[in-house]
Amino acid sequence: LDTAPTGTFAVSADNIRVDDLGRYWPPTVAPGAWEWCTTHLRDGIVPRLDARLAFETRDGTTDVTDVSVKFPVERLTVDYLPPMPPARGASGVVTIDPNELRIALNRADAAGLTVSDGSILISGLKDADQVLDLDLLVAGPVQAAVGLLTSRPLQYPQRIDIRPEQASGETTTRLRMRFPLLDDVDDEDMQVDAAVALTNFELTNIVKGVDIRGGQARLHVDTSGLRGDGRLTVAGIEGAIRLTASFLDDVEPQATVQFVATDIPVARVRHELGQTFDVDGYLIGGTFGGRVGFELSSDGAGVVNASLDLARAALAIPEIGWH
C-alpha cells in the first residue's frame, strides 16, 4: 500500500466479570486507566461493554490516537483510597477517553453508609501522574461516618478527640476529595471539602458525665479545620452552638466553642450536673441565661469565658455567707 493504514476499531462484549477486564483490555490502550481499573475495581459484572479505538501508522509504527469506552457495572467494589474501607455493591457507568476515566455511581455501600449521586474522576491519563477527584453524597448513622473518617489517611475525629462509640444520630454529607494517585497518599497530598448535616446527633462524655443530645447541626470540614453551628442539648440545657477546630499546628486557639441558652431552669442544671460539679450550694432556684465560651490552645490549656444573666435566678455564695 502507498498509504499507511489508519482507521477505527469497534468492539462490544456482554457479561464480563470485572476481575477479568485486564484480560480483554490491552494495557497499552489508555495505560493509566488500565492500571487504576485493574488495581482498584474488583468483583461485580459488566453487562455490556462498548469500545472504539482510532489508530494511524506513522514511520512504520501504529499508534492508538483515540479511545472511547463505556460500560455499566453492577455489584462492583471500588477501592478508591486504600486503606479506607472500599465502596461495595456499587452500580453505575464507567466511561474512558484518552485523558479521563469517570465512574458515575448510582449507589454503593461503604462501612455502614449509603453512597449515592456520586462520581469518581481520574484525569491526566496521558501524563506521568494522575489526579483523582471524588464527589459523593453519603448518608447513614453518625457512628459509621465517624468510623469512616478515623481511617487513614484522614483521621479527622482523632484530631478533636472523638471516638465512634461516643456518637449516634444520622448524617447526610456531600464529600469532595482530590488527591494524586500515589502509592502512599497522606493528608498533605489531599484536598478535602465536606458539607455535613447532622440530625438527632448525640455525643456521650464530652466531659466526664456530660452528654450532648438532640443535636441538629451543619458542619463544614476541609483540610484546614472544622466549622459548624446548630442547636443541641448539653447536660439537659438546650441552646445554640457555634464551634471551630483547626487541623493546622500553627493556629491558635486550636478550638473554640460558644454556647448560648436562655430560660435555663436551675433545678435542671442541679439535676444534670450535680454528680459532675458541686453546684447545689450555689444555685438555689429560678432560671437564668447566658453565653459560655471555651478556647483550647495547642498545649492543651483551656480557657472558659461566661456571661450570665442571673436576674431571675436565686444564688448563694456559702464561702462568704451570702444568699
Protein backbone atom coordinates (compact mmCIF):
# COMPACT_ATOMS: atom_id res chain seq x y z
CA LEU A 1 0.00 0.00 0.00
CA ASP A 2 1.15 3.53 -0.78
CA THR A 3 -0.55 4.98 2.27
CA ALA A 4 -0.16 3.98 5.91
CA PRO A 5 -3.22 2.25 7.35
CA THR A 6 -5.50 4.34 9.53
CA GLY A 7 -8.96 3.67 10.80
CA THR A 8 -11.19 2.78 13.72
CA PHE A 9 -11.86 -0.46 15.52
CA ALA A 10 -15.09 -1.08 17.44
CA VAL A 11 -15.82 -3.95 19.79
CA SER A 12 -18.69 -4.94 22.07
CA ALA A 13 -18.91 -7.65 24.70
CA ASP A 14 -21.54 -8.90 27.15
CA ASN A 15 -21.42 -10.16 30.74
CA ILE A 16 -17.75 -9.61 31.53
CA ARG A 17 -16.53 -10.19 35.07
CA VAL A 18 -14.83 -7.05 36.38
CA ASP A 19 -11.95 -9.21 37.63
CA ASP A 20 -11.36 -10.30 34.01
CA LEU A 21 -11.21 -6.79 32.49
CA GLY A 22 -7.42 -6.89 32.41
CA ARG A 23 -7.52 -9.96 30.17
CA TYR A 24 -9.57 -8.27 27.47
CA TRP A 25 -8.19 -4.75 27.78
CA PRO A 26 -4.68 -4.31 26.32
CA PRO A 27 -2.53 -2.42 28.85
CA THR A 28 -1.08 -0.27 26.06
CA VAL A 29 -4.54 1.24 25.40
CA ALA A 30 -5.11 4.07 27.96
CA PRO A 31 -2.44 2.58 30.27
CA GLY A 32 -3.24 4.95 33.15
CA ALA A 33 -6.88 3.89 33.17
CA TRP A 34 -5.92 0.24 32.75
CA GLU A 35 -3.62 0.31 35.78
CA TRP A 36 -6.16 2.01 38.06
CA CYS A 37 -9.12 -0.16 36.95
CA THR A 38 -7.26 -3.45 37.31
CA THR A 39 -5.93 -2.41 40.74
CA HIS A 40 -8.91 -0.64 42.34
CA LEU A 41 -12.00 -2.22 40.74
CA ARG A 42 -13.00 -5.77 41.56
CA ASP A 43 -15.97 -8.10 41.91
CA GLY A 44 -19.16 -7.32 40.02
CA ILE A 45 -20.18 -7.71 36.43
CA VAL A 46 -20.16 -5.62 33.25
CA PRO A 47 -23.46 -6.40 31.46
CA ARG A 48 -22.23 -4.82 28.22
CA LEU A 49 -19.04 -3.09 27.12
CA ASP A 50 -18.71 -0.87 24.04
CA ALA A 51 -15.30 0.37 22.92
CA ARG A 52 -13.98 2.26 19.92
CA LEU A 53 -10.32 2.81 19.07
CA ALA A 54 -8.90 5.06 16.37
CA PHE A 55 -5.40 4.37 15.06
CA GLU A 56 -2.90 5.54 12.47
CA THR A 57 0.52 4.49 11.31
CA ARG A 58 3.48 6.83 11.06
CA ASP A 59 7.03 5.90 10.21
CA GLY A 60 6.14 2.25 10.37
CA THR A 61 4.63 2.46 13.87
CA THR A 62 0.90 2.13 14.53
CA ASP A 63 -0.39 4.24 17.42
CA VAL A 64 -3.80 4.49 19.07
CA THR A 65 -4.94 8.11 18.58
CA ASP A 66 -8.33 7.98 20.29
CA VAL A 67 -10.15 5.77 22.77
CA SER A 68 -13.81 5.74 23.73
CA VAL A 69 -15.02 3.12 26.19
CA LYS A 70 -18.32 2.92 28.05
CA PHE A 71 -19.76 0.19 30.21
CA PRO A 72 -22.28 -0.17 33.06
CA VAL A 73 -21.24 -2.04 36.20
CA GLU A 74 -23.19 -3.91 38.84
CA ARG A 75 -22.20 -5.22 42.29
CA LEU A 76 -18.81 -3.52 41.93
CA THR A 77 -16.23 -2.97 44.68
CA VAL A 78 -14.34 0.34 44.35
CA ASP A 79 -11.16 0.57 46.42
CA TYR A 80 -10.88 4.31 45.85
CA LEU A 81 -8.45 5.28 48.64
CA PRO A 82 -6.76 2.39 50.47
CA PRO A 83 -6.63 1.75 53.37
CA MET A 84 -10.04 3.41 53.77
CA PRO A 85 -12.96 0.95 53.54
CA PRO A 86 -13.98 0.41 49.90
CA ALA A 87 -17.39 1.12 48.38
CA ARG A 88 -19.15 -2.22 47.84
CA GLY A 89 -22.13 -3.35 45.80
CA ALA A 90 -21.76 -0.33 43.54
CA SER A 91 -23.78 0.24 40.41
CA GLY A 92 -23.06 2.88 37.81
CA VAL A 93 -21.44 3.65 34.48
CA VAL A 94 -17.75 3.84 33.58
CA THR A 95 -16.58 5.99 30.65
CA ILE A 96 -12.99 6.31 29.40
CA ASP A 97 -11.38 8.64 26.89
CA PRO A 98 -7.69 9.31 26.20
CA ASN A 99 -7.29 11.64 29.17
CA GLU A 100 -10.04 10.78 31.68
CA LEU A 101 -11.73 7.89 33.41
CA ARG A 102 -15.08 8.66 35.02
CA ILE A 103 -17.27 6.45 37.20
CA ALA A 104 -20.83 7.74 37.70
CA LEU A 105 -22.03 5.96 40.86
CA ASN A 106 -25.74 5.39 41.31
CA ARG A 107 -25.46 3.58 44.62
CA ALA A 108 -22.94 1.81 46.83
CA ASP A 109 -22.34 0.88 50.48
CA ALA A 110 -19.24 1.91 52.41
CA ALA A 111 -18.64 0.85 56.01
CA GLY A 112 -22.31 1.05 57.01
CA LEU A 113 -23.05 4.18 54.96
CA THR A 114 -25.02 4.58 51.73
CA VAL A 115 -23.29 6.33 48.82
CA SER A 116 -25.38 7.84 46.02
CA ASP A 117 -25.28 10.56 43.38
CA GLY A 118 -21.51 10.20 43.16
CA SER A 119 -18.67 10.42 40.70
CA ILE A 120 -15.04 9.36 40.61
CA LEU A 121 -12.91 11.17 38.03
CA ILE A 122 -9.32 10.30 37.18
CA SER A 123 -7.67 12.90 34.97
CA GLY A 124 -4.27 13.12 33.35
CA LEU A 125 -4.23 9.61 31.87
CA LYS A 126 -1.76 10.81 29.26
CA ASP A 127 0.52 12.31 31.89
CA ALA A 128 3.09 10.71 34.15
CA ASP A 129 0.94 11.42 37.23
CA GLN A 130 -2.81 11.20 37.57
CA VAL A 131 -5.23 13.01 39.91
CA LEU A 132 -8.43 11.58 41.39
CA ASP A 133 -11.49 13.75 42.12
CA LEU A 134 -14.16 12.19 44.32
CA ASP A 135 -17.65 13.67 44.72
CA LEU A 136 -20.11 11.61 46.76
CA LEU A 137 -23.37 12.01 48.67
CA VAL A 138 -23.01 9.88 51.79
CA ALA A 139 -25.82 9.15 54.26
CA GLY A 140 -26.26 6.97 57.31
CA PRO A 141 -25.51 6.65 61.03
CA VAL A 142 -23.18 9.23 62.57
CA GLN A 143 -21.25 6.45 64.30
CA ALA A 144 -20.44 4.84 60.94
CA ALA A 145 -19.42 8.21 59.48
CA VAL A 146 -17.06 8.91 62.40
CA GLY A 147 -15.63 5.42 61.99
CA LEU A 148 -15.01 6.01 58.28
CA LEU A 149 -13.28 9.32 58.94
CA THR A 150 -10.99 7.73 61.52
CA SER A 151 -9.42 5.65 58.74
CA ARG A 152 -6.05 6.59 57.33
CA PRO A 153 -5.17 8.91 55.71
CA LEU A 154 -7.97 11.20 57.01
CA GLN A 155 -8.10 10.51 60.77
CA TYR A 156 -10.07 13.71 61.41
CA PRO A 157 -12.07 12.63 64.51
CA GLN A 158 -8.85 11.77 66.37
CA ARG A 159 -7.73 15.38 65.98
CA ILE A 160 -10.68 16.58 68.06
CA ASP A 161 -10.69 13.52 70.34
CA ILE A 162 -13.96 11.91 69.22
CA ARG A 163 -14.36 8.13 69.12
CA PRO A 164 -17.01 6.31 67.05
CA GLU A 165 -18.56 4.67 70.12
CA GLN A 166 -19.38 8.11 71.56
CA ALA A 167 -21.52 9.20 68.58
CA SER A 168 -25.04 8.45 67.37
CA GLY A 169 -27.68 10.05 65.15
CA GLU A 170 -27.96 10.42 61.38
CA THR A 171 -25.87 12.33 58.86
CA THR A 172 -26.01 13.37 55.22
CA THR A 173 -22.69 14.55 53.78
CA ARG A 174 -21.59 15.90 50.43
CA LEU A 175 -17.97 14.76 50.34
CA ARG A 176 -15.44 16.07 47.81
CA MET A 177 -11.84 14.89 47.78
CA ARG A 178 -8.94 15.48 45.40
CA PHE A 179 -5.56 13.76 45.62
CA PRO A 180 -2.76 12.44 43.40
CA LEU A 181 -2.72 8.75 42.59
CA LEU A 182 0.36 7.87 44.60
CA ASP A 183 1.20 4.58 46.29
CA ASP A 184 1.19 6.31 49.69
CA VAL A 185 -1.16 9.29 50.00
CA ASP A 186 -1.03 11.29 53.23
CA ASP A 187 -3.09 14.25 54.42
CA GLU A 188 -0.66 16.79 52.99
CA ASP A 189 -1.38 15.45 49.49
CA MET A 190 -5.14 15.75 49.86
CA GLN A 191 -7.79 18.38 49.35
CA VAL A 192 -10.97 17.62 51.30
CA ASP A 193 -14.24 19.53 51.41
CA ALA A 194 -17.26 18.13 53.24
CA ALA A 195 -20.65 19.72 53.94
CA VAL A 196 -22.21 17.74 56.80
CA ALA A 197 -25.80 17.82 58.08
CA LEU A 198 -26.42 16.15 61.46
CA THR A 199 -29.86 15.18 62.81
CA ASN A 200 -30.69 13.76 66.25
CA PHE A 201 -26.97 13.89 66.97
CA GLU A 202 -25.71 12.59 70.32
CA LEU A 203 -22.20 12.54 71.77
CA THR A 204 -21.53 10.94 75.14
CA ASN A 205 -18.98 12.02 77.72
CA ILE A 206 -17.71 15.20 76.06
CA VAL A 207 -16.62 15.89 79.64
CA LYS A 208 -16.97 13.24 82.30
CA GLY A 209 -20.65 12.69 82.91
CA VAL A 210 -21.80 15.34 80.39
CA ASP A 211 -23.54 14.36 77.14
CA ILE A 212 -24.77 16.15 74.02
CA ARG A 213 -28.25 15.12 72.87
CA GLY A 214 -30.86 16.08 70.29
CA GLY A 215 -28.37 17.86 68.08
CA GLN A 216 -29.30 19.44 64.75
CA ALA A 217 -26.21 20.97 63.16
CA ARG A 218 -24.34 21.77 59.97
CA LEU A 219 -20.60 21.37 59.71
CA HIS A 220 -18.02 22.27 57.09
CA VAL A 221 -14.80 20.27 57.11
CA ASP A 222 -11.75 20.82 54.95
CA THR A 223 -8.03 20.19 55.23
CA SER A 224 -7.57 23.29 57.42
CA GLY A 225 -10.22 22.53 60.01
CA LEU A 226 -13.85 22.27 61.03
CA ARG A 227 -16.56 24.91 61.43
CA GLY A 228 -20.14 24.40 62.46
CA ASP A 229 -23.27 25.69 64.11
CA GLY A 230 -26.65 24.38 65.20
CA ARG A 231 -28.82 23.62 68.20
CA LEU A 232 -28.40 20.89 70.76
CA THR A 233 -28.86 19.97 74.39
CA VAL A 234 -25.83 19.87 76.71
CA ALA A 235 -26.36 18.42 80.17
CA GLY A 236 -30.10 18.92 79.74
CA ILE A 237 -29.71 22.56 78.63
CA GLU A 238 -30.96 23.40 75.13
CA GLY A 239 -29.19 26.15 73.23
CA ALA A 240 -27.36 27.32 70.12
CA ILE A 241 -23.77 26.30 69.47
CA ARG A 242 -21.02 27.55 67.21
CA LEU A 243 -17.65 25.80 67.03
CA THR A 244 -14.34 25.79 65.18
CA ALA A 245 -11.40 23.38 65.28
CA SER A 246 -8.11 23.80 63.42
CA PHE A 247 -6.15 20.92 61.92
CA LEU A 248 -3.11 23.19 61.47
CA ASP A 249 -0.49 23.22 64.23
CA ASP A 250 0.35 26.93 63.92
CA VAL A 251 -3.20 28.22 64.52
CA GLU A 252 -4.24 29.50 67.95
CA PRO A 253 -6.57 28.78 69.56
CA GLN A 254 -6.84 25.25 68.21
CA ALA A 255 -10.55 25.04 69.02
CA THR A 256 -13.35 27.37 70.10
CA VAL A 257 -16.90 26.67 71.27
CA GLN A 258 -19.68 29.15 72.03
CA PHE A 259 -22.94 28.03 73.61
CA VAL A 260 -25.90 30.38 74.12
CA ALA A 261 -29.04 29.48 76.07
CA THR A 262 -31.99 31.28 77.68
CA ASP A 263 -34.52 30.44 80.42
CA ILE A 264 -32.44 27.62 81.89
CA PRO A 265 -34.16 26.12 84.97
CA VAL A 266 -31.77 25.97 87.88
CA ALA A 267 -33.37 22.71 89.03
CA ARG A 268 -32.43 21.06 85.72
CA VAL A 269 -28.81 22.18 85.99
CA ARG A 270 -28.61 20.84 89.54
CA HIS A 271 -30.06 17.52 88.37
CA GLU A 272 -27.86 17.14 85.27
CA LEU A 273 -24.56 18.44 86.66
CA GLY A 274 -24.91 17.55 90.30
CA GLN A 275 -22.77 14.42 90.02
CA THR A 276 -20.06 16.18 87.98
CA PHE A 277 -19.89 19.62 89.61
CA ASP A 278 -20.79 20.75 93.12
CA VAL A 279 -23.45 23.34 92.30
CA ASP A 280 -26.08 22.65 94.96
CA GLY A 281 -24.77 25.25 97.37
CA TYR A 282 -24.58 27.96 94.71
CA LEU A 283 -27.66 27.53 92.50
CA ILE A 284 -30.80 27.71 94.62
CA GLY A 285 -33.71 28.22 92.20
CA GLY A 286 -35.27 30.21 89.39
CA THR A 287 -33.96 30.46 85.81
CA PHE A 288 -31.02 32.09 84.09
CA GLY A 289 -29.48 32.53 80.64
CA GLY A 290 -26.18 33.44 79.13
CA ARG A 291 -23.28 32.70 76.86
CA VAL A 292 -20.41 30.33 77.60
CA GLY A 293 -17.24 30.28 75.51
CA PHE A 294 -14.35 27.84 75.55
CA GLU A 295 -10.95 28.11 73.87
CA LEU A 296 -8.39 25.32 73.66
CA SER A 297 -4.75 26.03 72.81
CA SER A 298 -2.23 23.68 71.19
CA ASP A 299 -0.53 22.97 74.55
CA GLY A 300 -3.80 21.59 75.95
CA ALA A 301 -4.63 24.62 78.10
CA GLY A 302 -8.27 25.69 78.10
CA VAL A 303 -9.93 28.99 78.89
CA VAL A 304 -13.62 29.37 79.77
CA ASN A 305 -15.43 32.71 79.45
CA ALA A 306 -19.01 33.14 80.63
CA SER A 307 -21.53 35.95 80.53
CA LEU A 308 -24.65 35.07 82.54
CA ASP A 309 -27.99 36.79 83.08
CA LEU A 310 -28.86 35.92 86.68
CA ALA A 311 -31.69 38.38 87.20
CA ARG A 312 -34.26 35.61 87.65
CA ALA A 313 -32.02 33.15 89.50
CA ALA A 314 -31.66 32.60 93.24
CA LEU A 315 -27.97 32.22 94.07
CA ALA A 316 -25.71 31.78 97.08
CA ILE A 317 -22.02 32.03 97.85
CA PRO A 318 -21.69 29.93 101.01
CA GLU A 319 -18.00 30.73 101.46
CA ILE A 320 -18.88 34.32 102.43
CA GLY A 321 -22.33 33.59 103.84
CA TRP A 322 -24.15 35.39 101.01
CA HIS A 323 -27.64 34.27 99.95
